Amino acid sequence: MKSGEIVALENHTVLISRKGEEYQIADSAAPIRDKQGNTTGVVLVFSDSTEKYRAQMLLKESEEKYRQAFQTSSDAININRRDGAYIDVNEGFTNITGFTQEDVAGKFSTEINIWAIPEDLEKMIAGIKEKGFIKNLESKFRCKDGSLKTAIISANIIVLNNEPHILTIARDITERKQAEDEIKLKSKELSKSNAEKDKFFSIIAHDLRSPFNGFLGLTQIMSEELQSLTMTEVQEIAADMSKSANNLYRLLENLLKWAQIQQGMISFNPEVIQLDLVVGESIDMIQESAKNKDIELVTDIPAGLVAFADTNMLQSIIRNIFSNAVKFTPKGGKINLSAKASGNKCIEIAIQDSGIGMDQMLIDNLFRIDVKTSRLGTESEPSTGLGLLLCKEFVEKQGGKIWVESKEGSGSTFYFTIPDNSYL
């Protein structure tokens, strides 16, 4: 009225009707002038804007709820322009990745190198272009400190200020994945344990039964036909019984050691040893079986070569490999054991035979408990394959490794390493 200008009021004035009802109004006032230009009155216009006001209030409440959800979510949430540049990130994003709003504002994800698997970024972009969204993409991302985390990522197109933007939500599942990996590892170990148990029972059921049956058959002959047997026949039966008893003893000894290994009952006591003396004692125990097949045993160990190993384990390794060599070497053959310092604080021992050798399939499965590798020797000597598994356990227990080179019909050479005295 004072200025004579039109005035529009936009402060959401509340108009109370005669019935006491409240209306949100937009109002304006314009002056009425006479011919001389004098203001003689005013025109007031009230527009009912109740529904518009309610809509605005609902929008404001919705935005506030969104803002609270955005800021308080423990998931990493970020809003990017359609071209991928960051606009806003929440506290969850900072807590998980270490990147703050200031670190990423206006930058692209490739600039901060957050994608550990770039191909997953391409999958996300392709999914948004094709469908407008992507759900539950599992990927790894790189944190500000360089550490890696695993996340489930979902993204949608949203409209802000009439412009399309990308809303991305990432849930950290690193601990869950670690737990899943641990479960898989435990499951694998359990499967291996079950395979070892099955092998153990298979050995008992088959390999232990066979020599016992032979032994029992011989004792039955002795008990029923002793008076009709000649002294030569008695001696032959006694020799066969002795052979069966030795086979049983070796098998039972290996079974006992295997069970003790699985239960962690075998003690490990490495010490400085004179290698040629320990090898000599080990070979003495199998001289008789080699002599029966007219097999020559040769050793080539430098004088004064000293190792740092568990004597009992080392003797068991040598006995088992030598016993196998005798089994699979024809009469008149030769077995040679050599040792040398191989560097890296190790001694390499090789046991070479002139036996029947092995094909590649047998070599590949030789140290696996879940695959049967037993076969008869050149004189039908029984074999379980358990001895080599014990050798592998004992070699690895001492920090060494074991391997074999062989060709069918051309003999085999078993190699293994043990620490030398400089290991101390």
Protein backbone atom coordinates (compact mmCIF):
# COMPACT_ATOMS: atom_id res chain seq x y z
CA MET A 1 0.00 0.00 0.00
CA LYS A 2 2.85 2.40 0.80
CA SER A 3 4.85 1.68 -2.32
CA GLY A 4 1.91 1.11 -4.63
CA GLU A 5 3.49 -2.12 -5.96
CA ILE A 6 2.07 -5.61 -6.44
CA VAL A 7 3.17 -7.92 -3.62
CA ALA A 8 3.19 -11.77 -3.67
CA LEU A 9 3.49 -13.53 -0.32
CA GLU A 10 5.16 -16.94 -0.38
CA ASN A 11 5.54 -17.67 3.30
CA HIS A 12 2.75 -20.25 3.36
CA THR A 13 0.35 -18.15 5.30
CA VAL A 14 -2.32 -20.11 7.15
CA LEU A 15 -5.89 -18.85 6.55
CA ILE A 16 -8.50 -19.86 9.13
CA SER A 17 -11.94 -20.31 7.68
CA ARG A 18 -15.19 -19.42 9.35
CA LYS A 19 -15.57 -23.05 10.39
CA GLY A 20 -12.16 -23.00 12.00
CA GLU A 21 -10.45 -25.06 9.28
CA GLU A 22 -6.88 -24.18 8.35
CA TYR A 23 -5.81 -23.66 4.76
CA GLN A 24 -2.31 -23.15 3.46
CA ILE A 25 -2.57 -20.23 1.04
CA ALA A 26 -0.45 -18.29 -1.38
CA ASP A 27 -1.66 -14.68 -1.38
CA SER A 28 -0.93 -11.55 -3.34
CA ALA A 29 -2.02 -7.89 -3.17
CA ALA A 30 -2.30 -5.31 -5.97
CA PRO A 31 -3.24 -1.58 -5.62
CA ILE A 32 -6.39 -0.05 -7.17
CA ARG A 33 -5.73 3.39 -8.67
CA ASP A 34 -8.01 6.16 -9.90
CA LYS A 35 -7.48 8.18 -13.10
CA GLN A 36 -5.04 10.44 -11.31
CA GLY A 37 -2.98 7.45 -10.19
CA ASN A 38 -3.97 7.69 -6.57
CA THR A 39 -4.26 4.41 -4.66
CA THR A 40 -7.86 4.03 -3.63
CA GLY A 41 -7.88 0.36 -2.62
CA VAL A 42 -6.31 -3.02 -2.90
CA VAL A 43 -7.14 -6.34 -4.53
CA LEU A 44 -6.26 -9.37 -2.36
CA VAL A 45 -6.00 -12.82 -4.00
CA PHE A 46 -5.86 -15.97 -1.89
CA SER A 47 -4.93 -19.30 -3.56
CA ASP A 48 -5.51 -22.58 -1.72
CA SER A 49 -2.11 -24.30 -1.72
CA THR A 50 -2.83 -26.85 1.00
CA GLU A 51 -2.23 -29.91 -1.20
CA LYS A 52 0.91 -28.39 -2.70
CA TYR A 53 2.17 -27.52 0.77
CA ARG A 54 1.50 -31.05 2.02
CA ALA A 55 3.33 -32.45 -0.97
CA GLN A 56 6.28 -30.18 -0.28
CA MET A 57 6.31 -31.17 3.38
CA LEU A 58 6.18 -34.87 2.47
CA LEU A 59 9.02 -34.33 0.04
CA LYS A 60 11.01 -32.55 2.71
CA GLU A 61 10.35 -35.34 5.22
CA SER A 62 11.31 -37.93 2.60
CA GLU A 63 14.54 -36.11 1.85
CA GLU A 64 15.31 -35.90 5.55
CA LYS A 65 14.68 -39.61 6.00
CA TYR A 66 16.87 -40.36 3.00
CA ARG A 67 19.60 -38.13 4.39
CA GLN A 68 19.45 -39.91 7.77
CA ALA A 69 19.49 -43.34 6.14
CA PHE A 70 22.35 -42.23 3.87
CA GLN A 71 24.48 -40.98 6.75
CA THR A 72 23.72 -43.66 9.36
CA SER A 73 23.97 -46.76 7.14
CA SER A 74 26.89 -49.05 7.95
CA ASP A 75 27.08 -49.97 4.25
CA ALA A 76 29.22 -47.90 1.92
CA ILE A 77 26.92 -45.61 -0.09
CA ASN A 78 28.05 -43.21 -2.78
CA ILE A 79 26.29 -40.99 -5.31
CA ASN A 80 27.97 -40.40 -8.64
CA ARG A 81 27.14 -38.38 -11.69
CA ARG A 82 26.09 -40.33 -14.75
CA ASP A 83 29.65 -40.04 -16.05
CA GLY A 84 30.93 -41.71 -12.85
CA ALA A 85 32.35 -38.74 -10.91
CA TYR A 86 31.73 -38.86 -7.15
CA ILE A 87 29.30 -36.32 -5.69
CA ASP A 88 28.70 -37.59 -2.19
CA VAL A 89 29.71 -40.50 0.08
CA ASN A 90 28.42 -41.47 3.50
CA GLU A 91 30.26 -42.29 6.71
CA GLY A 92 29.92 -46.01 5.99
CA PHE A 93 31.92 -45.49 2.80
CA THR A 94 34.66 -43.73 4.77
CA ASN A 95 34.64 -46.30 7.58
CA ILE A 96 35.00 -49.22 5.17
CA THR A 97 37.30 -47.80 2.48
CA GLY A 98 39.14 -45.05 4.38
CA PHE A 99 38.30 -42.52 1.63
CA THR A 100 36.57 -39.32 2.82
CA GLN A 101 34.25 -36.99 0.92
CA GLU A 102 37.18 -34.64 0.34
CA ASP A 103 39.27 -37.52 -1.08
CA VAL A 104 36.78 -38.48 -3.78
CA ALA A 105 34.62 -35.40 -4.59
CA GLY A 106 34.65 -34.77 -8.35
CA LYS A 107 36.96 -37.75 -9.01
CA PHE A 108 36.35 -41.00 -10.84
CA SER A 109 36.76 -44.44 -9.22
CA THR A 110 39.64 -45.17 -11.58
CA GLU A 111 41.46 -42.10 -10.27
CA ILE A 112 41.44 -43.37 -6.69
CA ASN A 113 42.15 -46.95 -7.92
CA ILE A 114 39.41 -48.45 -5.75
CA TRP A 115 38.53 -51.37 -8.05
CA ALA A 116 40.85 -54.31 -7.39
CA ILE A 117 39.25 -56.16 -10.34
CA PRO A 118 38.77 -53.64 -13.20
CA GLU A 119 36.61 -56.13 -15.13
CA ASP A 120 33.96 -55.85 -12.40
CA LEU A 121 33.69 -52.09 -13.01
CA GLU A 122 33.03 -52.89 -16.66
CA LYS A 123 30.31 -55.38 -15.61
CA MET A 124 28.68 -52.74 -13.43
CA ILE A 125 28.72 -50.12 -16.19
CA ALA A 126 27.30 -52.59 -18.72
CA GLY A 127 24.53 -53.66 -16.31
CA ILE A 128 23.48 -50.06 -15.61
CA LYS A 129 23.44 -49.21 -19.32
CA GLU A 130 21.36 -52.26 -20.20
CA LYS A 131 18.95 -52.47 -17.24
CA GLY A 132 19.39 -49.27 -15.27
CA PHE A 133 20.58 -51.24 -12.26
CA ILE A 134 22.84 -54.03 -11.08
CA LYS A 135 22.34 -56.29 -8.06
CA ASN A 136 24.63 -58.36 -5.85
CA LEU A 137 27.84 -58.08 -7.83
CA GLU A 138 30.59 -59.67 -5.73
CA SER A 139 33.92 -57.91 -6.15
CA LYS A 140 37.06 -56.82 -4.37
CA PHE A 141 37.94 -53.19 -3.73
CA ARG A 142 41.12 -51.52 -2.64
CA CYS A 143 41.04 -49.35 0.49
CA LYS A 144 42.94 -46.12 0.97
CA ASP A 145 45.65 -47.98 2.95
CA GLY A 146 46.08 -50.51 0.12
CA SER A 147 44.32 -53.41 1.86
CA LEU A 148 41.73 -55.45 -0.05
CA LYS A 149 38.15 -56.12 0.98
CA THR A 150 35.32 -58.11 -0.57
CA ALA A 151 31.90 -56.55 -1.07
CA ILE A 152 28.45 -57.22 -2.51
CA ILE A 153 27.60 -54.24 -4.74
CA SER A 154 24.23 -52.99 -6.02
CA ALA A 155 23.64 -49.83 -8.06
CA ASN A 156 20.59 -47.97 -9.43
CA ILE A 157 19.83 -44.89 -11.51
CA ILE A 158 18.16 -42.15 -9.43
CA VAL A 159 17.04 -38.65 -10.37
CA LEU A 160 18.36 -35.66 -8.44
CA ASN A 161 17.54 -32.10 -9.55
CA ASN A 162 16.05 -33.53 -12.74
CA GLU A 163 19.37 -35.15 -13.61
CA PRO A 164 20.14 -38.94 -13.60
CA HIS A 165 22.70 -40.06 -11.02
CA ILE A 166 24.09 -43.42 -9.91
CA LEU A 167 23.41 -44.61 -6.36
CA THR A 168 25.77 -47.40 -5.31
CA ILE A 169 25.54 -49.48 -2.13
CA ALA A 170 28.38 -51.83 -1.15
CA ARG A 171 28.18 -54.25 1.77
CA ASP A 172 31.48 -55.42 3.25
CA ILE A 173 31.51 -59.26 3.34
CA THR A 174 35.24 -59.70 3.92
CA GLU A 175 34.83 -61.53 7.23
CA ARG A 176 32.08 -63.71 5.80
CA LYS A 177 34.27 -64.68 2.84
CA GLN A 178 37.15 -65.46 5.18
CA ALA A 179 34.82 -67.68 7.22
CA GLU A 180 33.62 -69.40 4.02
CA ASP A 181 37.21 -69.95 2.88
CA GLU A 182 38.06 -71.39 6.28
CA ILE A 183 35.07 -73.73 6.05
CA LYS A 184 36.19 -74.83 2.58
CA LEU A 185 39.69 -75.45 3.91
CA LYS A 186 38.36 -77.44 6.86
CA SER A 187 36.13 -79.41 4.49
CA LYS A 188 39.12 -80.17 2.27
CA GLU A 189 41.16 -81.26 5.28
CA LEU A 190 38.25 -83.42 6.46
CA SER A 191 37.99 -85.04 3.02
CA LYS A 192 41.73 -85.71 3.12
CA SER A 193 41.41 -87.14 6.61
CA ASN A 194 38.57 -89.41 5.48
CA ALA A 195 40.66 -90.54 2.50
CA GLU A 196 43.54 -91.32 4.84
CA LYS A 197 41.20 -93.26 7.12
CA ASP A 198 39.78 -95.21 4.17
CA LYS A 199 43.31 -96.00 3.01
CA PHE A 200 44.24 -97.07 6.52
CA PHE A 201 41.30 -99.46 6.76
CA SER A 202 41.92 -100.70 3.22
CA ILE A 203 45.48 -101.61 4.16
CA ILE A 204 44.33 -103.41 7.26
CA ALA A 205 41.53 -105.23 5.44
CA HIS A 206 43.53 -106.35 2.42
CA ASP A 207 47.27 -106.15 2.89
CA LEU A 208 47.29 -107.37 6.47
CA ARG A 209 44.88 -110.22 5.73
CA SER A 210 46.94 -111.67 2.87
CA PRO A 211 50.17 -112.39 4.78
CA PHE A 212 48.15 -113.61 7.76
CA ASN A 213 46.30 -116.09 5.52
CA GLY A 214 49.61 -117.35 4.18
CA PHE A 215 51.05 -117.61 7.65
CA LEU A 216 47.96 -119.42 8.97
CA GLY A 217 48.02 -121.80 6.01
CA LEU A 218 51.61 -122.74 6.71
CA THR A 219 50.94 -123.31 10.41
CA GLN A 220 47.95 -125.50 9.48
CA ILE A 221 50.16 -127.64 7.26
CA MET A 222 52.71 -127.91 10.07
CA SER A 223 50.07 -128.98 12.60
CA GLU A 224 48.28 -131.47 10.37
CA GLU A 225 51.10 -132.97 8.28
CA LEU A 226 54.26 -132.53 10.38
CA GLN A 227 54.91 -136.25 10.81
CA SER A 228 54.70 -136.90 7.05
CA LEU A 229 56.97 -133.98 6.10
CA THR A 230 60.64 -134.38 5.37
CA MET A 231 63.19 -132.21 7.10
CA THR A 232 63.75 -130.33 3.83
CA GLU A 233 60.01 -129.60 3.52
CA VAL A 234 59.88 -128.45 7.16
CA GLN A 235 62.80 -126.11 6.52
CA GLU A 236 61.06 -124.69 3.41
CA ILE A 237 57.82 -124.13 5.34
CA ALA A 238 59.76 -122.56 8.23
CA ALA A 239 61.54 -120.23 5.75
CA ASP A 240 58.19 -119.23 4.24
CA MET A 241 56.77 -118.64 7.72
CA SER A 242 59.76 -116.48 8.58
CA LYS A 243 59.27 -114.45 5.40
CA SER A 244 55.55 -114.01 6.19
CA ALA A 245 56.35 -113.03 9.77
CA ASN A 246 58.88 -110.42 8.56
CA ASN A 247 56.35 -109.00 6.09
CA LEU A 248 53.75 -108.83 8.84
CA TYR A 249 56.19 -107.14 11.19
CA ARG A 250 57.17 -104.48 8.64
CA LEU A 251 53.55 -103.84 7.78
CA LEU A 252 52.49 -103.57 11.41
CA GLU A 253 55.46 -101.31 12.12
CA ASN A 254 54.45 -98.97 9.29
CA LEU A 255 50.80 -99.03 10.35
CA LEU A 256 51.77 -98.15 13.90
CA LYS A 257 54.00 -95.29 12.76
CA TRP A 258 51.32 -93.99 10.41
CA ALA A 259 48.75 -93.97 13.22
CA GLN A 260 51.22 -92.20 15.51
CA ILE A 261 51.91 -89.53 12.86
CA GLN A 262 48.20 -88.82 12.39
CA GLN A 263 47.77 -88.45 16.15
CA GLY A 264 50.89 -86.31 16.54
CA MET A 265 52.47 -88.89 18.84
CA ILE A 266 55.85 -89.26 17.11
CA SER A 267 58.47 -87.04 18.68
CA PHE A 268 60.91 -85.10 16.51
CA ASN A 269 64.45 -84.96 17.92
CA PRO A 270 66.98 -83.73 15.34
CA GLU A 271 70.66 -83.95 16.19
CA VAL A 272 74.05 -83.82 14.52
CA ILE A 273 74.75 -87.26 13.01
CA GLN A 274 77.53 -88.92 11.03
CA LEU A 275 75.61 -89.80 7.87
CA ASP A 276 77.63 -92.84 6.76
CA LEU A 277 77.17 -94.52 10.16
CA VAL A 278 73.38 -94.05 10.18
CA VAL A 279 73.09 -95.26 6.57
CA GLY A 280 75.23 -98.30 7.37
CA GLU A 281 73.00 -99.30 10.30
CA SER A 282 69.88 -98.87 8.12
CA ILE A 283 71.24 -101.03 5.29
CA ASP A 284 72.35 -103.78 7.69
CA MET A 285 68.68 -104.39 8.51
CA ILE A 286 67.82 -105.28 4.89
CA GLN A 287 71.02 -107.05 3.87
CA GLU A 288 69.38 -110.47 4.19
CA SER A 289 66.51 -109.74 1.79
CA ALA A 290 68.97 -108.26 -0.74
CA LYS A 291 71.25 -111.27 -0.36
CA ASN A 292 68.36 -113.65 -1.08
CA LYS A 293 67.89 -111.95 -4.47
CA ASP A 294 71.63 -111.63 -5.11
CA ILE A 295 71.29 -107.82 -5.24
CA GLU A 296 74.42 -105.73 -4.75
CA LEU A 297 74.14 -102.80 -2.32
CA VAL A 298 76.59 -99.94 -2.85
CA THR A 299 77.00 -96.71 -0.87
CA ASP A 300 78.87 -93.57 -1.88
CA ILE A 301 78.99 -91.08 1.00
CA PRO A 302 81.84 -88.58 1.37
CA ALA A 303 83.83 -89.10 4.56
CA GLY A 304 82.89 -86.68 7.30
CA LEU A 305 79.53 -85.68 5.78
CA VAL A 306 77.43 -84.55 8.74
CA ALA A 307 73.67 -84.02 8.84
CA PHE A 308 71.24 -82.47 11.29
CA ALA A 309 68.33 -84.91 11.41
CA ASP A 310 66.20 -87.22 13.52
CA THR A 311 68.04 -90.57 13.48
CA ASN A 312 64.95 -92.78 13.81
CA MET A 313 63.10 -90.95 11.05
CA LEU A 314 66.12 -90.99 8.74
CA GLN A 315 66.65 -94.73 9.25
CA SER A 316 62.96 -95.37 8.57
CA ILE A 317 63.17 -93.36 5.32
CA ILE A 318 66.26 -95.26 4.12
CA ARG A 319 64.87 -98.68 5.13
CA ASN A 320 61.55 -98.11 3.34
CA ILE A 321 63.11 -96.84 0.10
CA PHE A 322 65.74 -99.61 0.13
CA SER A 323 63.10 -102.25 0.85
CA ASN A 324 61.06 -101.06 -2.12
CA ALA A 325 64.16 -101.04 -4.30
CA VAL A 326 64.89 -104.66 -3.33
CA LYS A 327 61.28 -105.69 -4.04
CA PHE A 328 61.21 -104.20 -7.52
CA THR A 329 64.74 -105.13 -8.60
CA PRO A 330 65.20 -108.53 -10.29
CA LYS A 331 67.76 -111.05 -9.05
CA GLY A 332 71.34 -110.02 -9.75
CA GLY A 333 70.50 -106.33 -9.78
CA LYS A 334 72.15 -103.39 -8.07
CA ILE A 335 71.09 -100.62 -5.68
CA ASN A 336 73.27 -97.59 -5.09
CA LEU A 337 72.94 -94.94 -2.36
CA SER A 338 74.85 -91.68 -2.75
CA ALA A 339 74.86 -88.45 -0.76
CA LYS A 340 76.22 -84.98 -1.39
CA ALA A 341 75.99 -81.45 -0.06
CA SER A 342 73.55 -79.63 -2.33
CA GLY A 343 73.73 -76.06 -1.00
CA ASN A 344 70.97 -74.17 0.85
CA LYS A 345 72.11 -75.95 4.02
CA CYS A 346 70.91 -79.30 2.64
CA ILE A 347 72.22 -82.78 1.93
CA GLU A 348 70.74 -84.61 -1.06
CA ILE A 349 70.50 -88.41 -0.80
CA ALA A 350 69.77 -90.53 -3.89
CA ILE A 351 68.84 -94.23 -3.90
CA GLN A 352 69.06 -95.69 -7.42
CA ASP A 353 68.02 -99.20 -8.43
CA SER A 354 68.20 -101.27 -11.62
CA GLY A 355 64.63 -102.47 -11.19
CA ILE A 356 61.45 -102.54 -13.26
CA GLY A 357 60.79 -98.78 -12.99
CA MET A 358 57.42 -96.97 -13.13
CA ASP A 359 55.19 -95.32 -15.70
CA GLN A 360 54.23 -91.64 -15.35
CA MET A 361 50.77 -92.36 -13.93
CA LEU A 362 52.25 -94.39 -11.09
CA ILE A 363 54.85 -91.68 -10.42
CA ASP A 364 52.14 -88.99 -10.25
CA ASN A 365 50.15 -90.97 -7.68
CA LEU A 366 53.05 -92.38 -5.70
CA PHE A 367 52.75 -90.05 -2.69
CA ARG A 368 48.95 -89.83 -2.64
CA ILE A 369 47.07 -91.75 0.02
CA ASP A 370 43.73 -91.62 -1.81
CA VAL A 371 45.09 -93.57 -4.80
CA LYS A 372 46.13 -97.22 -4.56
CA THR A 373 49.68 -97.67 -5.87
CA SER A 374 50.62 -101.06 -4.39
CA ARG A 375 51.89 -103.80 -6.70
CA LEU A 376 53.78 -107.08 -6.37
CA GLY A 377 57.57 -107.19 -6.46
CA THR A 378 59.68 -109.16 -8.93
CA GLU A 379 59.40 -112.23 -6.67
CA SER A 380 55.71 -111.55 -5.84
CA GLU A 381 56.67 -109.65 -2.69
CA PRO A 382 53.67 -107.78 -1.24
CA SER A 383 53.62 -103.98 -1.19
CA THR A 384 51.16 -101.49 0.32
CA GLY A 385 52.52 -98.10 -0.76
CA LEU A 386 52.29 -96.97 2.84
CA GLY A 387 56.07 -96.95 3.31
CA LEU A 388 56.58 -94.14 0.80
CA LEU A 389 53.84 -92.09 2.44
CA LEU A 390 55.73 -92.45 5.72
CA CYS A 391 58.93 -91.37 3.95
CA LYS A 392 57.20 -88.23 2.66
CA GLU A 393 55.87 -87.40 6.15
CA PHE A 394 59.29 -87.92 7.75
CA VAL A 395 61.20 -85.97 5.08
CA GLU A 396 58.84 -82.99 5.24
CA LYS A 397 58.90 -83.12 9.05
CA GLN A 398 62.63 -82.39 8.82
CA GLY A 399 62.13 -79.53 6.36
CA GLY A 400 63.19 -81.50 3.29
CA LYS A 401 61.50 -82.69 0.11
CA ILE A 402 61.26 -86.03 -1.68
CA TRP A 403 60.83 -86.85 -5.37
CA VAL A 404 61.45 -89.66 -7.85
CA GLU A 405 62.76 -90.10 -11.36
CA SER A 406 61.86 -93.30 -13.15
CA LYS A 407 61.16 -94.89 -16.49
CA GLU A 408 59.35 -98.13 -17.02
CA GLY A 409 61.88 -100.92 -17.50
CA SER A 410 64.87 -98.71 -16.64
CA GLY A 411 64.91 -98.53 -12.84
CA SER A 412 64.06 -95.74 -10.41
CA THR A 413 65.95 -93.13 -8.43
CA PHE A 414 64.45 -91.69 -5.25
CA TYR A 415 65.83 -88.38 -4.02
CA PHE A 416 65.28 -86.66 -0.71
CA THR A 417 66.92 -83.82 1.21
CA ILE A 418 67.71 -83.30 4.89
CA PRO A 419 69.39 -80.37 6.67
CA ASP A 420 73.17 -80.39 7.09
CA ASN A 421 74.91 -79.35 10.31
CA SER A 422 75.07 -75.67 9.24
CA TYR A 423 71.30 -75.59 9.83
CA LEU A 424 72.04 -75.10 13.54
